[in-house]
Structure formats: structure tokens, C-alpha cells
Amino acid sequence: MEYGYSILMGIFSCALLLYAGLMALFKDYKMIPIRARQSVKPKNEKEYMTQLAKVVALVACAPALSAIAGLWNMIAALVVLIAAGILLIWLGTKLVR
């Protein structure tokens, strides 16, 4: 299974994109896990869900990029995953503000 890492990261990225799409489509605040709901009390739940869906979709690009890099080299895939994860989470916090 030479490309197992790339396949798993691709599936994980697709699952995150599906979750982000469902959050954007339904805008239901109860889709967030209960532990996370307790710490955030948004004024407008529908707008918050739209913004959160954008951030989740943005962060889902990190494992997708890592999957592509994993086809070439495993060390590069791990570096891409960590670097892209940090960068995209930082961009997501700027997007929400």
C-alpha cells in the first residue's frame, strides 16, 4: 500500500469538506459538538455557522495538499500538512474576525 497515506488524507479532506458543506447548507448550530457549543454563545447562530463552515472548508485543504505531496514523498507530505495546517488555521481566524 504505497499510497495509503495519500488515500487516507484524501478521504479525511473529503469528510471535512462534506461537514463544512452541511454546516453551510443547514446552518444548524446543533451540528457543532456539545463541548464546543458550551464555550461559544454567538449572537447570530446562522451567520456564525456560515463563517465556521468557511473556516472548516479552508482547513480541509491542508490534508488535501498533504495527500498530493504524499504521492511524491512522505517527509514532504508531513511538512506540508503541518505548515498548511498552521497557515490555514491562522487565515481562518483572520476570516472570522
Protein backbone atom coordinates (compact mmCIF):
# COMPACT_ATOMS: atom_id res chain seq x y z
CA MET A 1 0.00 0.00 0.00
CA GLU A 2 2.37 2.61 -1.30
CA TYR A 3 -0.21 5.41 -1.44
CA GLY A 4 -2.11 4.58 1.75
CA TYR A 5 -1.29 7.89 3.42
CA SER A 6 -2.47 9.88 0.41
CA ILE A 7 -5.70 7.90 0.21
CA LEU A 8 -6.46 8.37 3.91
CA MET A 9 -5.67 12.09 3.83
CA GLY A 10 -7.84 12.48 0.73
CA ILE A 11 -10.75 10.73 2.46
CA PHE A 12 -10.25 12.87 5.58
CA SER A 13 -10.22 16.04 3.49
CA CYS A 14 -13.40 14.99 1.69
CA ALA A 15 -15.11 14.25 5.01
CA LEU A 16 -14.20 17.70 6.34
CA LEU A 17 -15.45 19.34 3.14
CA LEU A 18 -18.70 17.40 3.40
CA TYR A 19 -19.12 18.52 7.02
CA ALA A 20 -18.43 22.14 6.03
CA GLY A 21 -20.95 21.89 3.21
CA LEU A 22 -23.61 20.51 5.53
CA MET A 23 -22.94 23.26 8.06
CA ALA A 24 -23.25 25.92 5.36
CA LEU A 25 -26.37 24.33 3.91
CA PHE A 26 -28.38 23.72 7.08
CA LYS A 27 -26.89 26.44 9.34
CA ASP A 28 -27.96 24.40 12.36
CA TYR A 29 -26.00 25.37 15.48
CA LYS A 30 -26.58 21.91 16.94
CA MET A 31 -24.23 20.38 14.35
CA ILE A 32 -21.32 21.58 16.49
CA PRO A 33 -20.27 19.12 19.22
CA ILE A 34 -21.81 19.93 22.59
CA ARG A 35 -18.44 20.60 24.26
CA ALA A 36 -17.69 23.31 21.70
CA ARG A 37 -21.19 24.78 21.92
CA GLN A 38 -20.80 25.43 25.63
CA SER A 39 -17.82 27.74 25.13
CA VAL A 40 -19.29 29.83 22.28
CA LYS A 41 -22.52 31.79 22.51
CA PRO A 42 -22.95 33.59 19.16
CA LYS A 43 -25.44 36.41 18.73
CA ASN A 44 -26.48 35.25 15.27
CA GLU A 45 -26.21 31.46 15.01
CA LYS A 46 -26.83 31.26 11.25
CA GLU A 47 -24.12 33.77 10.42
CA TYR A 48 -21.74 32.02 12.83
CA MET A 49 -22.36 28.67 11.15
CA THR A 50 -21.67 30.17 7.73
CA GLN A 51 -18.37 31.63 8.93
CA LEU A 52 -17.42 28.39 10.68
CA ALA A 53 -18.22 26.39 7.53
CA LYS A 54 -15.84 28.63 5.57
CA VAL A 55 -13.07 28.03 8.10
CA VAL A 56 -13.62 24.26 8.16
CA ALA A 57 -13.55 24.15 4.35
CA LEU A 58 -10.37 26.22 4.34
CA VAL A 59 -8.68 23.97 6.89
CA ALA A 60 -9.77 20.89 4.90
CA CYS A 61 -7.33 21.99 2.21
CA ALA A 62 -4.35 21.09 4.45
CA PRO A 63 -4.88 17.31 4.33
CA ALA A 64 -5.71 17.55 0.62
CA LEU A 65 -2.40 19.30 -0.07
CA SER A 66 -0.64 16.76 2.11
CA ALA A 67 -2.25 13.91 0.16
CA ILE A 68 -0.94 15.38 -3.08
CA ALA A 69 2.54 15.82 -1.59
CA GLY A 70 2.35 12.26 -0.21
CA LEU A 71 2.28 10.92 -3.75
CA TRP A 72 5.77 12.32 -4.14
CA ASN A 73 7.44 11.96 -0.71
CA MET A 74 6.25 11.13 2.83
CA ILE A 75 8.54 13.61 4.58
CA ALA A 76 7.32 16.37 2.29
CA ALA A 77 3.72 15.32 2.99
CA LEU A 78 4.20 15.71 6.74
CA VAL A 79 5.90 19.09 6.31
CA VAL A 80 3.09 20.26 4.02
CA LEU A 81 0.44 19.02 6.47
CA ILE A 82 1.95 20.88 9.43
CA ALA A 83 2.81 24.07 7.51
CA ALA A 84 -0.50 24.25 5.66
CA GLY A 85 -2.45 23.42 8.82
CA ILE A 86 -0.83 26.26 10.74
CA LEU A 87 -1.19 28.72 7.87
CA LEU A 88 -4.81 27.85 7.09
CA ILE A 89 -5.91 27.94 10.74
CA TRP A 90 -4.29 31.38 11.04
CA LEU A 91 -6.07 32.55 7.87
CA GLY A 92 -9.32 31.12 9.23
CA THR A 93 -9.05 33.19 12.40
CA LYS A 94 -8.49 36.29 10.27
CA LEU A 95 -11.52 35.37 8.14
CA VAL A 96 -13.87 35.07 11.11
CA ARG A 97 -12.97 38.48 12.54
